[in-house]
Amino acid sequence: MNPAPPATDRILVVDDEPEIVALVAYHLAKAGYRVATAASGPDALEVARRERPSLIVLDLMLPGMSGFDVLEQLRTDDSTRDVAVLMLTARREEPDRIRGLSLGADDYLTKPFSPAELVLRVGAILRRTGSATPVSADTLVIGPLHIDRAAMTVKVDGQDVELTPTEFKLLLTLAERRGRVQGRGHLLETVWEAAPDIQTRTVDMHVQRLRSKLGAAGELIETVRGFGYRLRASAPRLV
């Protein structure tokens, strides 16, 4: 039996179909989560900013604003950028899935769906995105990694690691979005600020060097084939 989720985990369910909202809310509440709901894109943003949920179950086809637009605004707002998002939609096409993940969704589930599977996926996302330990406002700790944003320093198991400014920015970007896939195009825009002479292969080369410098902790950086990279939220298994 899975352990009950922490009482602080609030889930926001966003869908304009009352039957879907009722079904999802019932099963999440039954699993021990606190549940809030919204029926439109603007309402979703308002509730997300006010209640700061741990995760949002987000439909794509919403009145007032599409789910893609909601997701994009969540990721650009400092108060909601780290909220996990599971997209739940009838749109099954690959371009939609890729767009959702590119905008920062943590998972993508299509309708019709199994409520039991949805609850399991919610739990998996929360475990994946919630295990970093903030030591201070400037320090991020993920397994053996200690990243000091203010000093721009990195330690692995207490040992200093010398990184270039670009490598540090790349690692920090992955760490701040831990557990979420970051597309090569997004990394180019964020780390290299989309310089026109930069190629996507540049990302691969820098990730390779970063892994090498991090040693065993480099295993935290996973390759997502055909898309980009993801930093695992948990410590790697060392053999």
C-alpha atoms as a PDB file:
ATOM      1  CA  MET A   1       0.000   0.000   0.000  1.00  0.00           C
ATOM      2  CA  ASN A   2       1.283   3.469  -0.880  1.00  0.00           C
ATOM      3  CA  PRO A   3       1.872   5.846   2.047  1.00  0.00           C
ATOM      4  CA  ALA A   4      -0.627   8.681   2.454  1.00  0.00           C
ATOM      5  CA  PRO A   5       0.556  11.950   0.848  1.00  0.00           C
ATOM      6  CA  PRO A   6       1.627  14.799   3.132  1.00  0.00           C
ATOM      7  CA  ALA A   7      -1.282  16.911   4.353  1.00  0.00           C
ATOM      8  CA  THR A   8       0.298  19.971   2.742  1.00  0.00           C
ATOM      9  CA  ASP A   9      -0.030  18.594  -0.792  1.00  0.00           C
ATOM     10  CA  ARG A  10      -2.832  20.552  -2.414  1.00  0.00           C
ATOM     11  CA  ILE A  11      -3.816  19.678  -5.975  1.00  0.00           C
ATOM     12  CA  LEU A  12      -5.599  22.085  -8.327  1.00  0.00           C
ATOM     13  CA  VAL A  13      -7.824  20.380 -10.902  1.00  0.00           C
ATOM     14  CA  VAL A  14      -8.555  22.536 -13.975  1.00  0.00           C
ATOM     15  CA  ASP A  15     -11.164  21.372 -16.490  1.00  0.00           C
ATOM     16  CA  ASP A  16     -14.353  22.837 -17.976  1.00  0.00           C
ATOM     17  CA  GLU A  17     -16.163  19.484 -17.850  1.00  0.00           C
ATOM     18  CA  PRO A  18     -17.821  19.173 -14.405  1.00  0.00           C
ATOM     19  CA  GLU A  19     -17.932  15.376 -14.657  1.00  0.00           C
ATOM     20  CA  ILE A  20     -14.165  15.177 -15.197  1.00  0.00           C
ATOM     21  CA  VAL A  21     -13.494  17.615 -12.353  1.00  0.00           C
ATOM     22  CA  ALA A  22     -15.730  15.625 -10.001  1.00  0.00           C
ATOM     23  CA  LEU A  23     -14.115  12.300 -10.987  1.00  0.00           C
ATOM     24  CA  VAL A  24     -10.530  13.528 -10.604  1.00  0.00           C
ATOM     25  CA  ALA A  25     -11.227  15.465  -7.407  1.00  0.00           C
ATOM     26  CA  TYR A  26     -12.945  12.462  -5.837  1.00  0.00           C
ATOM     27  CA  HIS A  27     -10.052  10.087  -6.476  1.00  0.00           C
ATOM     28  CA  LEU A  28      -7.384  12.599  -5.409  1.00  0.00           C
ATOM     29  CA  ALA A  29      -9.286  13.408  -2.198  1.00  0.00           C
ATOM     30  CA  LYS A  30      -9.743   9.694  -1.559  1.00  0.00           C
ATOM     31  CA  ALA A  31      -5.962   9.314  -1.855  1.00  0.00           C
ATOM     32  CA  GLY A  32      -5.495  11.955   0.846  1.00  0.00           C
ATOM     33  CA  TYR A  33      -4.801  15.112  -1.163  1.00  0.00           C
ATOM     34  CA  ARG A  34      -6.463  18.454  -0.558  1.00  0.00           C
ATOM     35  CA  VAL A  35      -8.197  19.489  -3.791  1.00  0.00           C
ATOM     36  CA  ALA A  36      -9.158  22.828  -5.314  1.00  0.00           C
ATOM     37  CA  THR A  37     -10.833  23.270  -8.695  1.00  0.00           C
ATOM     38  CA  ALA A  38     -11.108  25.781 -11.529  1.00  0.00           C
ATOM     39  CA  ALA A  39     -13.111  25.714 -14.776  1.00  0.00           C
ATOM     40  CA  SER A  40     -11.295  28.236 -16.988  1.00  0.00           C
ATOM     41  CA  GLY A  41      -7.783  29.391 -17.814  1.00  0.00           C
ATOM     42  CA  PRO A  42      -8.008  32.764 -16.008  1.00  0.00           C
ATOM     43  CA  ASP A  43      -9.562  31.094 -12.945  1.00  0.00           C
ATOM     44  CA  ALA A  44      -6.749  28.526 -12.915  1.00  0.00           C
ATOM     45  CA  LEU A  45      -4.092  31.247 -12.787  1.00  0.00           C
ATOM     46  CA  GLU A  46      -5.928  33.141 -10.049  1.00  0.00           C
ATOM     47  CA  VAL A  47      -6.325  30.046  -7.850  1.00  0.00           C
ATOM     48  CA  ALA A  48      -2.740  28.920  -8.511  1.00  0.00           C
ATOM     49  CA  ARG A  49      -1.326  32.294  -7.440  1.00  0.00           C
ATOM     50  CA  ARG A  50      -3.574  32.485  -4.380  1.00  0.00           C
ATOM     51  CA  GLU A  51      -3.350  28.915  -3.077  1.00  0.00           C
ATOM     52  CA  ARG A  52       0.095  27.802  -4.332  1.00  0.00           C
ATOM     53  CA  PRO A  53      -0.831  24.151  -5.032  1.00  0.00           C
ATOM     54  CA  SER A  54       1.846  21.457  -5.130  1.00  0.00           C
ATOM     55  CA  LEU A  55       0.554  20.231  -8.491  1.00  0.00           C
ATOM     56  CA  ILE A  56      -1.988  21.224 -11.137  1.00  0.00           C
ATOM     57  CA  VAL A  57      -3.965  18.732 -13.239  1.00  0.00           C
ATOM     58  CA  LEU A  58      -4.480  20.880 -16.324  1.00  0.00           C
ATOM     59  CA  ASP A  59      -6.787  20.401 -19.310  1.00  0.00           C
ATOM     60  CA  LEU A  60      -5.752  21.921 -22.641  1.00  0.00           C
ATOM     61  CA  MET A  61      -9.047  23.083 -24.115  1.00  0.00           C
ATOM     62  CA  LEU A  62     -10.287  25.631 -21.609  1.00  0.00           C
ATOM     63  CA  PRO A  63     -12.543  28.674 -21.933  1.00  0.00           C
ATOM     64  CA  GLY A  64     -10.818  32.025 -21.761  1.00  0.00           C
ATOM     65  CA  MET A  65      -7.281  30.719 -22.231  1.00  0.00           C
ATOM     66  CA  SER A  66      -5.812  27.448 -23.484  1.00  0.00           C
ATOM     67  CA  GLY A  67      -3.971  25.070 -21.172  1.00  0.00           C
ATOM     68  CA  PHE A  68      -0.777  25.845 -23.093  1.00  0.00           C
ATOM     69  CA  ASP A  69      -1.200  29.559 -22.346  1.00  0.00           C
ATOM     70  CA  VAL A  70      -1.905  28.809 -18.676  1.00  0.00           C
ATOM     71  CA  LEU A  71       1.218  26.658 -18.447  1.00  0.00           C
ATOM     72  CA  GLU A  72       3.331  29.316 -20.134  1.00  0.00           C
ATOM     73  CA  GLN A  73       2.171  31.975 -17.670  1.00  0.00           C
ATOM     74  CA  LEU A  74       2.722  29.659 -14.700  1.00  0.00           C
ATOM     75  CA  ARG A  75       6.328  29.141 -15.751  1.00  0.00           C
ATOM     76  CA  THR A  76       7.052  32.857 -16.184  1.00  0.00           C
ATOM     77  CA  ASP A  77       5.579  33.875 -12.814  1.00  0.00           C
ATOM     78  CA  ASP A  78       8.007  33.608  -9.881  1.00  0.00           C
ATOM     79  CA  SER A  79       5.160  32.639  -7.545  1.00  0.00           C
ATOM     80  CA  THR A  80       4.088  29.628  -9.656  1.00  0.00           C
ATOM     81  CA  ARG A  81       7.091  28.655 -11.774  1.00  0.00           C
ATOM     82  CA  ASP A  82       7.913  25.621  -9.593  1.00  0.00           C
ATOM     83  CA  VAL A  83       4.373  24.227  -9.381  1.00  0.00           C
ATOM     84  CA  ALA A  84       4.253  20.751 -10.931  1.00  0.00           C
ATOM     85  CA  VAL A  85       1.837  20.291 -13.834  1.00  0.00           C
ATOM     86  CA  LEU A  86       0.210  17.145 -15.212  1.00  0.00           C
ATOM     87  CA  MET A  87      -1.605  17.797 -18.484  1.00  0.00           C
ATOM     88  CA  LEU A  88      -4.845  15.797 -18.836  1.00  0.00           C
ATOM     89  CA  THR A  89      -6.377  16.174 -22.270  1.00  0.00           C
ATOM     90  CA  ALA A  90      -8.216  14.503 -25.125  1.00  0.00           C
ATOM     91  CA  ARG A  91      -5.540  15.742 -27.560  1.00  0.00           C
ATOM     92  CA  ARG A  92      -3.382  12.701 -28.196  1.00  0.00           C
ATOM     93  CA  GLU A  93      -1.170  13.909 -31.058  1.00  0.00           C
ATOM     94  CA  GLU A  94       2.596  13.907 -30.608  1.00  0.00           C
ATOM     95  CA  PRO A  95       3.011  17.656 -31.427  1.00  0.00           C
ATOM     96  CA  ASP A  96       0.665  18.486 -28.547  1.00  0.00           C
ATOM     97  CA  ARG A  97       2.598  16.257 -26.136  1.00  0.00           C
ATOM     98  CA  ILE A  98       5.903  17.760 -27.259  1.00  0.00           C
ATOM     99  CA  ARG A  99       4.582  21.291 -26.933  1.00  0.00           C
ATOM    100  CA  GLY A 100       3.268  20.618 -23.440  1.00  0.00           C
ATOM    101  CA  LEU A 101       6.553  19.115 -22.256  1.00  0.00           C
ATOM    102  CA  SER A 102       8.511  21.912 -23.958  1.00  0.00           C
ATOM    103  CA  LEU A 103       6.526  24.498 -22.014  1.00  0.00           C
ATOM    104  CA  GLY A 104       7.389  22.753 -18.748  1.00  0.00           C
ATOM    105  CA  ALA A 105       4.689  20.153 -18.089  1.00  0.00           C
ATOM    106  CA  ASP A 106       5.881  17.339 -15.823  1.00  0.00           C
ATOM    107  CA  ASP A 107       3.692  14.654 -17.384  1.00  0.00           C
ATOM    108  CA  TYR A 108       1.062  14.225 -20.076  1.00  0.00           C
ATOM    109  CA  LEU A 109      -1.942  11.910 -19.745  1.00  0.00           C
ATOM    110  CA  THR A 110      -4.650  11.524 -22.402  1.00  0.00           C
ATOM    111  CA  LYS A 111      -8.394  10.968 -22.009  1.00  0.00           C
ATOM    112  CA  PRO A 112      -9.998   8.514 -21.502  1.00  0.00           C
ATOM    113  CA  PHE A 113      -7.846   7.783 -18.487  1.00  0.00           C
ATOM    114  CA  SER A 114      -7.670   5.520 -15.473  1.00  0.00           C
ATOM    115  CA  PRO A 115      -8.267   7.485 -12.228  1.00  0.00           C
ATOM    116  CA  ALA A 116      -5.980   5.053 -10.413  1.00  0.00           C
ATOM    117  CA  GLU A 117      -3.185   5.710 -12.922  1.00  0.00           C
ATOM    118  CA  LEU A 118      -3.696   9.460 -12.597  1.00  0.00           C
ATOM    119  CA  VAL A 119      -3.346   9.296  -8.805  1.00  0.00           C
ATOM    120  CA  LEU A 120      -0.175   7.205  -9.140  1.00  0.00           C
ATOM    121  CA  ARG A 121       1.289   9.663 -11.654  1.00  0.00           C
ATOM    122  CA  VAL A 122       0.511  12.591  -9.340  1.00  0.00           C
ATOM    123  CA  GLY A 123       2.353  10.856  -6.513  1.00  0.00           C
ATOM    124  CA  ALA A 124       5.308  10.047  -8.767  1.00  0.00           C
ATOM    125  CA  ILE A 125       5.614  13.663  -9.925  1.00  0.00           C
ATOM    126  CA  LEU A 126       5.499  14.991  -6.370  1.00  0.00           C
ATOM    127  CA  ARG A 127       8.183  12.536  -5.274  1.00  0.00           C
ATOM    128  CA  ARG A 128      10.323  13.468  -8.277  1.00  0.00           C
ATOM    129  CA  THR A 129      10.047  17.238  -7.884  1.00  0.00           C
ATOM    130  CA  GLY A 130       9.946  17.558  -4.143  1.00  0.00           C
ATOM    131  CA  SER A 131      13.148  16.088  -2.762  1.00  0.00           C
ATOM    132  CA  ALA A 132      15.547  19.019  -3.098  1.00  0.00           C
ATOM    133  CA  THR A 133      16.491  20.525   0.241  1.00  0.00           C
ATOM    134  CA  PRO A 134      16.789  24.310   0.412  1.00  0.00           C
ATOM    135  CA  VAL A 135      19.491  25.125   2.950  1.00  0.00           C
ATOM    136  CA  SER A 136      19.112  28.858   2.423  1.00  0.00           C
ATOM    137  CA  ALA A 137      17.628  31.182  -0.163  1.00  0.00           C
ATOM    138  CA  ASP A 138      20.886  31.019  -2.114  1.00  0.00           C
ATOM    139  CA  THR A 139      21.775  27.353  -1.696  1.00  0.00           C
ATOM    140  CA  LEU A 140      20.213  24.385  -3.414  1.00  0.00           C
ATOM    141  CA  VAL A 141      20.987  20.852  -2.251  1.00  0.00           C
ATOM    142  CA  ILE A 142      20.108  17.874  -4.431  1.00  0.00           C
ATOM    143  CA  GLY A 143      21.623  14.617  -3.255  1.00  0.00           C
ATOM    144  CA  PRO A 144      25.416  15.120  -3.235  1.00  0.00           C
ATOM    145  CA  LEU A 145      25.140  18.450  -5.094  1.00  0.00           C
ATOM    146  CA  HIS A 146      25.422  21.786  -3.247  1.00  0.00           C
ATOM    147  CA  ILE A 147      24.804  24.769  -5.508  1.00  0.00           C
ATOM    148  CA  ASP A 148      25.362  28.278  -4.127  1.00  0.00           C
ATOM    149  CA  ARG A 149      23.600  30.743  -6.410  1.00  0.00           C
ATOM    150  CA  ALA A 150      25.117  33.856  -4.807  1.00  0.00           C
ATOM    151  CA  ALA A 151      28.722  32.627  -4.754  1.00  0.00           C
ATOM    152  CA  MET A 152      28.297  30.728  -8.062  1.00  0.00           C
ATOM    153  CA  THR A 153      30.009  27.704  -6.543  1.00  0.00           C
ATOM    154  CA  VAL A 154      29.281  23.989  -6.713  1.00  0.00           C
ATOM    155  CA  LYS A 155      30.307  21.214  -4.356  1.00  0.00           C
ATOM    156  CA  VAL A 156      29.889  17.455  -4.732  1.00  0.00           C
ATOM    157  CA  ASP A 157      30.017  15.596  -1.417  1.00  0.00           C
ATOM    158  CA  GLY A 158      31.670  18.682   0.083  1.00  0.00           C
ATOM    159  CA  GLN A 159      34.382  18.929  -2.578  1.00  0.00           C
ATOM    160  CA  ASP A 160      34.618  22.046  -4.766  1.00  0.00           C
ATOM    161  CA  VAL A 161      33.951  21.579  -8.468  1.00  0.00           C
ATOM    162  CA  GLU A 162      35.363  24.154 -10.876  1.00  0.00           C
ATOM    163  CA  LEU A 163      32.804  25.103 -13.508  1.00  0.00           C
ATOM    164  CA  THR A 164      32.829  27.733 -16.228  1.00  0.00           C
ATOM    165  CA  PRO A 165      30.091  30.401 -15.990  1.00  0.00           C
ATOM    166  CA  THR A 166      28.182  28.665 -18.802  1.00  0.00           C
ATOM    167  CA  GLU A 167      28.447  25.254 -17.124  1.00  0.00           C
ATOM    168  CA  PHE A 168      27.261  26.761 -13.836  1.00  0.00           C
ATOM    169  CA  LYS A 169      24.280  28.410 -15.523  1.00  0.00           C
ATOM    170  CA  LEU A 170      23.437  25.151 -17.306  1.00  0.00           C
ATOM    171  CA  LEU A 171      23.579  23.159 -14.061  1.00  0.00           C
ATOM    172  CA  LEU A 172      21.551  25.765 -12.167  1.00  0.00           C
ATOM    173  CA  THR A 173      18.876  25.795 -14.882  1.00  0.00           C
ATOM    174  CA  LEU A 174      18.543  22.022 -14.703  1.00  0.00           C
ATOM    175  CA  ALA A 175      18.601  22.055 -10.891  1.00  0.00           C
ATOM    176  CA  GLU A 176      15.929  24.737 -10.539  1.00  0.00           C
ATOM    177  CA  ARG A 177      13.691  22.709 -12.880  1.00  0.00           C
ATOM    178  CA  ARG A 178      14.710  19.350 -11.387  1.00  0.00           C
ATOM    179  CA  GLY A 179      12.570  16.425 -12.363  1.00  0.00           C
ATOM    180  CA  ARG A 180      11.385  18.201 -15.511  1.00  0.00           C
ATOM    181  CA  VAL A 181      12.579  17.682 -19.041  1.00  0.00           C
ATOM    182  CA  GLN A 182      14.365  20.690 -20.516  1.00  0.00           C
ATOM    183  CA  GLY A 183      14.426  20.807 -24.305  1.00  0.00           C
ATOM    184  CA  ARG A 184      17.647  21.712 -26.093  1.00  0.00           C
ATOM    185  CA  GLY A 185      15.940  24.775 -27.589  1.00  0.00           C
ATOM    186  CA  HIS A 186      14.808  25.939 -24.153  1.00  0.00           C
ATOM    187  CA  LEU A 187      18.314  25.459 -22.731  1.00  0.00           C
ATOM    188  CA  LEU A 188      19.778  27.444 -25.622  1.00  0.00           C
ATOM    189  CA  GLU A 189      17.378  30.302 -24.894  1.00  0.00           C
ATOM    190  CA  THR A 190      17.970  30.226 -21.138  1.00  0.00           C
ATOM    191  CA  VAL A 191      21.694  29.521 -20.874  1.00  0.00           C
ATOM    192  CA  TRP A 192      23.021  30.991 -24.098  1.00  0.00           C
ATOM    193  CA  GLU A 193      20.182  33.506 -24.523  1.00  0.00           C
ATOM    194  CA  ALA A 194      19.549  32.102 -28.012  1.00  0.00           C
ATOM    195  CA  ALA A 195      22.711  33.474 -29.628  1.00  0.00           C
ATOM    196  CA  PRO A 196      22.163  32.982 -33.391  1.00  0.00           C
ATOM    197  CA  ASP A 197      25.501  31.244 -33.973  1.00  0.00           C
ATOM    198  CA  ILE A 198      24.902  28.620 -31.304  1.00  0.00           C
ATOM    199  CA  GLN A 199      23.865  25.118 -32.418  1.00  0.00           C
ATOM    200  CA  THR A 200      21.882  22.566 -30.439  1.00  0.00           C
ATOM    201  CA  ARG A 201      24.965  20.327 -30.411  1.00  0.00           C
ATOM    202  CA  THR A 202      26.554  22.938 -28.170  1.00  0.00           C
ATOM    203  CA  VAL A 203      24.133  21.856 -25.441  1.00  0.00           C
ATOM    204  CA  ASP A 204      25.179  18.212 -25.788  1.00  0.00           C
ATOM    205  CA  MET A 205      28.874  19.091 -25.584  1.00  0.00           C
ATOM    206  CA  HIS A 206      28.444  21.211 -22.473  1.00  0.00           C
ATOM    207  CA  VAL A 207      26.304  18.581 -20.755  1.00  0.00           C
ATOM    208  CA  GLN A 208      28.977  15.988 -21.509  1.00  0.00           C
ATOM    209  CA  ARG A 209      31.673  18.180 -19.940  1.00  0.00           C
ATOM    210  CA  LEU A 210      29.425  19.007 -16.984  1.00  0.00           C
ATOM    211  CA  ARG A 211      28.780  15.334 -16.270  1.00  0.00           C
ATOM    212  CA  SER A 212      32.492  14.625 -16.403  1.00  0.00           C
ATOM    213  CA  LYS A 213      33.300  17.400 -13.917  1.00  0.00           C
ATOM    214  CA  LEU A 214      30.552  16.301 -11.520  1.00  0.00           C
ATOM    215  CA  GLY A 215      31.866  12.741 -11.399  1.00  0.00           C
ATOM    216  CA  ALA A 216      29.377  10.223 -10.014  1.00  0.00           C
ATOM    217  CA  ALA A 217      26.892  13.058  -9.405  1.00  0.00           C
ATOM    218  CA  GLY A 218      26.824  13.552 -13.179  1.00  0.00           C
ATOM    219  CA  GLU A 219      24.466  10.566 -13.252  1.00  0.00           C
ATOM    220  CA  LEU A 220      21.801  12.928 -11.946  1.00  0.00           C
ATOM    221  CA  ILE A 221      21.632  14.453 -15.432  1.00  0.00           C
ATOM    222  CA  GLU A 222      19.518  12.193 -17.612  1.00  0.00           C
ATOM    223  CA  THR A 223      19.274  12.299 -21.393  1.00  0.00           C
ATOM    224  CA  VAL A 224      15.713  12.284 -22.725  1.00  0.00           C
ATOM    225  CA  ARG A 225      16.195  10.929 -26.220  1.00  0.00           C
ATOM    226  CA  GLY A 226      15.075  13.206 -29.013  1.00  0.00           C
ATOM    227  CA  PHE A 227      14.239  16.041 -26.654  1.00  0.00           C
ATOM    228  CA  GLY A 228      16.757  17.216 -24.101  1.00  0.00           C
ATOM    229  CA  TYR A 229      17.874  16.682 -20.520  1.00  0.00           C
ATOM    230  CA  ARG A 230      16.480  16.302 -17.007  1.00  0.00           C
ATOM    231  CA  LEU A 231      18.124  16.530 -13.593  1.00  0.00           C
ATOM    232  CA  ARG A 232      16.797  13.832 -11.287  1.00  0.00           C
ATOM    233  CA  ALA A 233      15.542  15.094  -7.971  1.00  0.00           C
ATOM    234  CA  SER A 234      16.981  12.150  -6.042  1.00  0.00           C
ATOM    235  CA  ALA A 235      20.556  11.051  -5.502  1.00  0.00           C
ATOM    236  CA  PRO A 236      22.041   8.676  -8.068  1.00  0.00           C
ATOM    237  CA  ARG A 237      22.773   5.074  -7.235  1.00  0.00           C
ATOM    238  CA  LEU A 238      26.474   4.656  -6.725  1.00  0.00           C
ATOM    239  CA  VAL A 239      27.940   1.213  -7.298  1.00  0.00           C
END
